[in-house]
C-alpha atoms as a PDB file:
ATOM      1  CA  UNK A   1     -46.279  68.590  49.645  1.00  0.00           C
ATOM      2  CA  UNK A   2     -44.847  72.798  48.974  1.00  0.00           C
ATOM      3  CA  UNK A   3     -43.704  73.661  46.135  1.00  0.00           C
ATOM      4  CA  UNK A   4     -40.063  72.713  45.958  1.00  0.00           C
ATOM      5  CA  UNK A   5     -41.557  69.435  46.522  1.00  0.00           C
ATOM      6  CA  UNK A   6     -43.641  69.958  43.020  1.00  0.00           C
ATOM      7  CA  UNK A   7     -40.660  71.470  41.125  1.00  0.00           C
ATOM      8  CA  UNK A   8     -38.670  68.483  41.546  1.00  0.00           C
ATOM      9  CA  UNK A   9     -41.726  66.182  40.630  1.00  0.00           C
ATOM     10  CA  UNK A  10     -42.741  68.030  38.215  1.00  0.00           C
ATOM     11  CA  UNK A  11     -40.418  66.298  34.941  1.00  0.00           C
ATOM     12  CA  UNK A  12     -42.101  62.978  36.194  1.00  0.00           C
ATOM     13  CA  UNK A  13     -45.764  64.213  36.209  1.00  0.00           C
ATOM     14  CA  UNK A  14     -45.308  66.141  32.791  1.00  0.00           C
ATOM     15  CA  UNK A  15     -43.973  62.689  31.074  1.00  0.00           C
ATOM     16  CA  UNK A  16     -46.281  60.717  32.804  1.00  0.00           C
ATOM     17  CA  UNK A  17     -44.388  58.370  34.667  1.00  0.00           C
ATOM     18  CA  UNK A  18     -45.756  59.861  37.952  1.00  0.00           C
ATOM     19  CA  UNK A  19     -48.114  57.029  39.722  1.00  0.00           C
ATOM     20  CA  UNK A  20     -49.877  56.757  42.735  1.00  0.00           C
ATOM     21  CA  UNK A  21     -50.250  58.617  45.901  1.00  0.00           C
ATOM     22  CA  UNK A  22     -47.622  60.801  44.583  1.00  0.00           C
ATOM     23  CA  UNK A  23     -49.878  61.695  41.585  1.00  0.00           C
ATOM     24  CA  UNK A  24     -52.541  62.474  43.210  1.00  0.00           C
ATOM     25  CA  UNK A  25     -50.746  64.759  46.141  1.00  0.00           C
ATOM     26  CA  UNK A  26     -49.512  66.589  43.247  1.00  0.00           C
ATOM     27  CA  UNK A  27     -52.414  67.252  41.128  1.00  0.00           C
ATOM     28  CA  UNK A  28     -53.864  68.469  44.566  1.00  0.00           C
ATOM     29  CA  UNK A  29     -51.126  71.021  45.262  1.00  0.00           C
ATOM     30  CA  UNK A  30     -51.637  72.557  41.836  1.00  0.00           C
ATOM     31  CA  UNK A  31     -55.461  72.477  41.938  1.00  0.00           C
ATOM     32  CA  UNK A  32     -54.391  74.881  45.159  1.00  0.00           C
ATOM     33  CA  UNK A  33     -50.970  76.863  43.819  1.00  0.00           C
ATOM     34  CA  UNK A  34     -51.701  79.128  41.192  1.00  0.00           C
ATOM     35  CA  UNK A  35     -47.936  79.461  40.144  1.00  0.00           C
ATOM     36  CA  UNK A  36     -46.913  75.739  40.223  1.00  0.00           C
ATOM     37  CA  UNK A  37     -50.100  75.521  38.077  1.00  0.00           C
ATOM     38  CA  UNK A  38     -48.860  78.332  35.707  1.00  0.00           C
ATOM     39  CA  UNK A  39     -45.112  76.296  35.649  1.00  0.00           C
ATOM     40  CA  UNK A  40     -47.083  72.838  34.782  1.00  0.00           C
ATOM     41  CA  UNK A  41     -48.479  74.200  32.160  1.00  0.00           C
ATOM     42  CA  UNK A  42     -45.741  75.932  30.701  1.00  0.00           C
ATOM     43  CA  UNK A  43     -43.384  72.142  31.036  1.00  0.00           C
ATOM     44  CA  UNK A  44     -46.493  70.344  29.255  1.00  0.00           C
ATOM     45  CA  UNK A  45     -46.178  73.268  26.706  1.00  0.00           C
ATOM     46  CA  UNK A  46     -42.847  72.640  26.196  1.00  0.00           C
ATOM     47  CA  UNK A  47     -42.708  68.899  26.158  1.00  0.00           C
ATOM     48  CA  UNK A  48     -45.837  68.708  23.965  1.00  0.00           C
ATOM     49  CA  UNK A  49     -43.565  71.686  21.627  1.00  0.00           C
ATOM     50  CA  UNK A  50     -40.540  68.887  21.822  1.00  0.00           C
ATOM     51  CA  UNK A  51     -42.532  66.154  20.277  1.00  0.00           C
ATOM     52  CA  UNK A  52     -43.883  67.947  17.705  1.00  0.00           C
ATOM     53  CA  UNK A  53     -40.466  68.564  16.032  1.00  0.00           C
ATOM     54  CA  UNK A  54     -39.292  66.944  13.103  1.00  0.00           C
ATOM     55  CA  UNK A  55     -36.636  64.494  13.782  1.00  0.00           C
ATOM     56  CA  UNK A  56     -33.786  65.206  11.680  1.00  0.00           C
ATOM     57  CA  UNK A  57     -31.216  62.513  10.179  1.00  0.00           C
ATOM     58  CA  UNK A  58     -27.329  63.026  10.817  1.00  0.00           C
ATOM     59  CA  UNK A  59     -25.637  63.947   7.251  1.00  0.00           C
ATOM     60  CA  UNK A  60     -23.514  61.810   6.964  1.00  0.00           C
ATOM     61  CA  UNK A  61     -20.435  63.797   6.307  1.00  0.00           C
ATOM     62  CA  UNK A  62     -20.734  64.727  10.013  1.00  0.00           C
ATOM     63  CA  UNK A  63     -21.206  60.750  10.901  1.00  0.00           C
ATOM     64  CA  UNK A  64     -17.751  60.346   9.538  1.00  0.00           C
ATOM     65  CA  UNK A  65     -16.026  62.890  11.064  1.00  0.00           C
ATOM     66  CA  UNK A  66     -17.516  61.697  14.455  1.00  0.00           C
ATOM     67  CA  UNK A  67     -15.933  58.922  13.669  1.00  0.00           C
ATOM     68  CA  UNK A  68     -12.497  59.815  12.317  1.00  0.00           C
ATOM     69  CA  UNK A  69     -11.824  62.193  15.696  1.00  0.00           C
ATOM     70  CA  UNK A  70     -12.683  58.809  17.721  1.00  0.00           C
ATOM     71  CA  UNK A  71     -10.454  56.818  16.260  1.00  0.00           C
ATOM     72  CA  UNK A  72      -7.724  58.840  14.816  1.00  0.00           C
ATOM     73  CA  UNK A  73      -8.244  62.189  15.526  1.00  0.00           C
ATOM     74  CA  UNK A  74      -6.970  64.614  18.575  1.00  0.00           C
ATOM     75  CA  UNK A  75      -9.833  63.591  20.579  1.00  0.00           C
ATOM     76  CA  UNK A  76      -8.619  59.784  20.591  1.00  0.00           C
ATOM     77  CA  UNK A  77      -6.745  60.452  24.435  1.00  0.00           C
ATOM     78  CA  UNK A  78      -9.786  61.260  25.904  1.00  0.00           C
ATOM     79  CA  UNK A  79     -12.062  58.240  24.410  1.00  0.00           C
ATOM     80  CA  UNK A  80      -9.293  55.745  23.993  1.00  0.00           C
ATOM     81  CA  UNK A  81      -6.126  56.234  26.081  1.00  0.00           C
ATOM     82  CA  UNK A  82      -2.955  54.851  25.356  1.00  0.00           C
ATOM     83  CA  UNK A  83      -1.776  51.277  27.188  1.00  0.00           C
ATOM     84  CA  UNK A  84       0.711  53.160  29.525  1.00  0.00           C
ATOM     85  CA  UNK A  85      -2.154  54.827  31.070  1.00  0.00           C
ATOM     86  CA  UNK A  86      -4.580  51.744  30.821  1.00  0.00           C
ATOM     87  CA  UNK A  87      -1.998  50.055  33.083  1.00  0.00           C
ATOM     88  CA  UNK A  88      -0.764  52.954  35.348  1.00  0.00           C
ATOM     89  CA  UNK A  89      -3.606  55.433  34.894  1.00  0.00           C
ATOM     90  CA  UNK A  90      -4.846  54.497  38.209  1.00  0.00           C
ATOM     91  CA  UNK A  91      -1.915  55.302  40.664  1.00  0.00           C
ATOM     92  CA  UNK A  92      -0.411  58.026  38.299  1.00  0.00           C
ATOM     93  CA  UNK A  93      -3.529  60.133  37.814  1.00  0.00           C
ATOM     94  CA  UNK A  94      -3.113  62.163  41.506  1.00  0.00           C
ATOM     95  CA  UNK A  95       1.077  61.843  40.703  1.00  0.00           C
ATOM     96  CA  UNK A  96       0.273  64.046  37.742  1.00  0.00           C
ATOM     97  CA  UNK A  97      -2.377  66.484  38.804  1.00  0.00           C
ATOM     98  CA  UNK A  98      -0.498  70.037  38.685  1.00  0.00           C
ATOM     99  CA  UNK A  99      -0.957  71.006  42.299  1.00  0.00           C
ATOM    100  CA  UNK A 100       1.120  67.768  42.947  1.00  0.00           C
ATOM    101  CA  UNK A 101       3.700  67.933  40.462  1.00  0.00           C
ATOM    102  CA  UNK A 102       4.319  71.425  40.678  1.00  0.00           C
ATOM    103  CA  UNK A 103       4.507  71.020  44.778  1.00  0.00           C
ATOM    104  CA  UNK A 104       6.651  67.446  44.242  1.00  0.00           C
ATOM    105  CA  UNK A 105       9.154  69.832  42.014  1.00  0.00           C
ATOM    106  CA  UNK A 106       9.531  72.418  44.507  1.00  0.00           C
ATOM    107  CA  UNK A 107      10.342  70.078  47.110  1.00  0.00           C
ATOM    108  CA  UNK A 108      12.848  68.264  44.816  1.00  0.00           C
ATOM    109  CA  UNK A 109      14.475  72.153  44.135  1.00  0.00           C
ATOM    110  CA  UNK A 110      14.281  73.111  47.962  1.00  0.00           C
ATOM    111  CA  UNK A 111      16.175  70.135  49.067  1.00  0.00           C
ATOM    112  CA  UNK A 112      19.284  70.890  45.830  1.00  0.00           C
ATOM    113  CA  UNK A 113      18.969  74.496  47.017  1.00  0.00           C
ATOM    114  CA  UNK A 114      19.456  73.530  50.526  1.00  0.00           C
ATOM    115  CA  UNK A 115      22.356  71.146  49.442  1.00  0.00           C
ATOM    116  CA  UNK A 116      24.065  73.485  47.532  1.00  0.00           C
ATOM    117  CA  UNK A 117      24.258  76.341  49.982  1.00  0.00           C
ATOM    118  CA  UNK A 118      25.035  74.169  52.787  1.00  0.00           C
ATOM    119  CA  UNK A 119      27.602  72.002  51.061  1.00  0.00           C
ATOM    120  CA  UNK A 120      26.353  68.842  53.133  1.00  0.00           C
ATOM    121  CA  UNK A 121      27.476  65.432  52.682  1.00  0.00           C
ATOM    122  CA  UNK A 122      25.463  62.854  51.098  1.00  0.00           C
ATOM    123  CA  UNK A 123      22.222  62.339  52.413  1.00  0.00           C
ATOM    124  CA  UNK A 124      21.222  59.066  54.494  1.00  0.00           C
ATOM    125  CA  UNK A 125      17.917  57.990  55.842  1.00  0.00           C
ATOM    126  CA  UNK A 126      18.909  58.661  59.018  1.00  0.00           C
ATOM    127  CA  UNK A 127      19.360  62.133  57.960  1.00  0.00           C
ATOM    128  CA  UNK A 128      16.119  62.945  57.422  1.00  0.00           C
ATOM    129  CA  UNK A 129      14.624  61.680  61.140  1.00  0.00           C
ATOM    130  CA  UNK A 130      12.320  64.403  61.877  1.00  0.00           C
ATOM    131  CA  UNK A 131      14.342  64.610  65.418  1.00  0.00           C
ATOM    132  CA  UNK A 132      17.830  65.283  63.883  1.00  0.00           C
ATOM    133  CA  UNK A 133      15.860  67.834  61.046  1.00  0.00           C
ATOM    134  CA  UNK A 134      14.451  69.418  64.110  1.00  0.00           C
ATOM    135  CA  UNK A 135      17.366  69.779  66.884  1.00  0.00           C
ATOM    136  CA  UNK A 136      19.881  70.774  63.917  1.00  0.00           C
ATOM    137  CA  UNK A 137      17.388  73.478  62.795  1.00  0.00           C
ATOM    138  CA  UNK A 138      16.813  74.426  66.188  1.00  0.00           C
ATOM    139  CA  UNK A 139      20.878  74.735  66.657  1.00  0.00           C
ATOM    140  CA  UNK A 140      21.186  76.778  63.872  1.00  0.00           C
ATOM    141  CA  UNK A 141      18.359  79.151  65.419  1.00  0.00           C
ATOM    142  CA  UNK A 142      20.320  79.191  68.566  1.00  0.00           C
ATOM    143  CA  UNK A 143      23.493  80.144  67.090  1.00  0.00           C
ATOM    144  CA  UNK A 144      21.606  82.805  64.641  1.00  0.00           C
ATOM    145  CA  UNK A 145      19.930  84.286  67.459  1.00  0.00           C
ATOM    146  CA  UNK A 146      23.638  84.922  69.283  1.00  0.00           C
ATOM    147  CA  UNK A 147      25.554  86.379  66.629  1.00  0.00           C
ATOM    148  CA  UNK A 148      22.528  89.077  66.713  1.00  0.00           C
ATOM    149  CA  UNK A 149      23.026  89.203  70.254  1.00  0.00           C
ATOM    150  CA  UNK A 150      26.449  89.799  70.406  1.00  0.00           C
ATOM    151  CA  UNK A 151      26.293  91.823  66.714  1.00  0.00           C
ATOM    152  CA  UNK A 152      24.021  94.089  68.983  1.00  0.00           C
ATOM    153  CA  UNK A 153      26.150  94.194  72.480  1.00  0.00           C
ATOM    154  CA  UNK A 154      28.907  94.950  69.466  1.00  0.00           C
ATOM    155  CA  UNK A 155      26.953  97.920  68.218  1.00  0.00           C
ATOM    156  CA  UNK A 156      25.729  99.376  71.317  1.00  0.00           C
ATOM    157  CA  UNK A 157      29.686  99.201  72.748  1.00  0.00           C
ATOM    158  CA  UNK A 158      31.235 101.021  69.741  1.00  0.00           C
ATOM    159  CA  UNK A 159      28.144 103.474  70.086  1.00  0.00           C
ATOM    160  CA  UNK A 160      28.568 104.231  73.768  1.00  0.00           C
ATOM    161  CA  UNK A 161      32.292 104.442  73.129  1.00  0.00           C
ATOM    162  CA  UNK A 162      31.641 107.213  70.267  1.00  0.00           C
ATOM    163  CA  UNK A 163      29.381 108.807  72.211  1.00  0.00           C
ATOM    164  CA  UNK A 164      31.938 108.935  75.217  1.00  0.00           C
ATOM    165  CA  UNK A 165      34.650 110.665  72.923  1.00  0.00           C
ATOM    166  CA  UNK A 166      31.980 113.003  71.426  1.00  0.00           C
ATOM    167  CA  UNK A 167      31.286 114.303  74.869  1.00  0.00           C
ATOM    168  CA  UNK A 168      35.276 114.781  76.048  1.00  0.00           C
ATOM    169  CA  UNK A 169      35.782 116.365  72.889  1.00  0.00           C
ATOM    170  CA  UNK A 170      33.345 119.062  73.713  1.00  0.00           C
ATOM    171  CA  UNK A 171      34.014 119.142  78.015  1.00  0.00           C
ATOM    172  CA  UNK A 172      37.922 119.990  77.111  1.00  0.00           C
ATOM    173  CA  UNK A 173      38.340 123.769  76.061  1.00  0.00           C
ATOM    174  CA  UNK A 174      39.416 124.989  72.891  1.00  0.00           C
ATOM    175  CA  UNK A 175      43.350 124.972  72.911  1.00  0.00           C
ATOM    176  CA  UNK A 176      44.414 128.808  72.510  1.00  0.00           C
ATOM    177  CA  UNK A 177      46.319 129.653  69.891  1.00  0.00           C
ATOM    178  CA  UNK A 178      49.360 132.041  70.316  1.00  0.00           C
ATOM    179  CA  UNK A 179      48.939 135.229  68.187  1.00  0.00           C
ATOM    180  CA  UNK A 180      52.309 135.255  66.102  1.00  0.00           C
ATOM    181  CA  UNK A 181      54.839 138.502  67.716  1.00  0.00           C
ATOM    182  CA  UNK A 182      53.993 141.233  64.919  1.00  0.00           C
ATOM    183  CA  UNK A 183      58.117 141.267  63.535  1.00  0.00           C
ATOM    184  CA  UNK A 184      59.786 144.136  65.365  1.00  0.00           C
ATOM    185  CA  UNK A 185      61.384 147.241  62.775  1.00  0.00           C
ATOM    186  CA  UNK A 186      64.896 146.810  61.949  1.00  0.00           C
ATOM    187  CA  UNK A 187      66.185 149.356  63.615  1.00  0.00           C
ATOM    188  CA  UNK A 188      64.770 148.664  66.852  1.00  0.00           C
ATOM    189  CA  UNK A 189      65.856 146.301  69.786  1.00  0.00           C
ATOM    190  CA  UNK A 190      64.552 145.305  72.821  1.00  0.00           C
END
């Protein structure tokens, strides 16, 4: 027997309910292990101390208050549940757990938002077929991807055009502006 086994059986040994071979093996271990023997002595001393304590009778107002709490107080629902909870509690308890209820509420909200933003006609059970849902989602993703590619290509074409125009503008020589001829004096003729 090791020390862990002694700790498990020690309460029964101190109470005197451990009998037979288990008690003799435990006593043999206590004779050889000083730490376990000290633990056994401390446990026996604690039990003797509790047995010497006086029996205290509860005051009548405490008993009255406990009975009130059980029959009419706020803790009545925990002790005697309502008829609805007694009848449907077994089936509704898992559904009424906060995580599950919040998950269901968010699912309903998500479907409502999807329906609101996509202007979907009235849903039927056939519309919730996983194959149809997957196909529709895949079709949407492909369309969004194609739009993105087309938009990117359009941006690229515009960028190319702007770059070429800028290059052509830099290649052409700047036009020379003619200097205005100075007005000749009134008396001079050519």
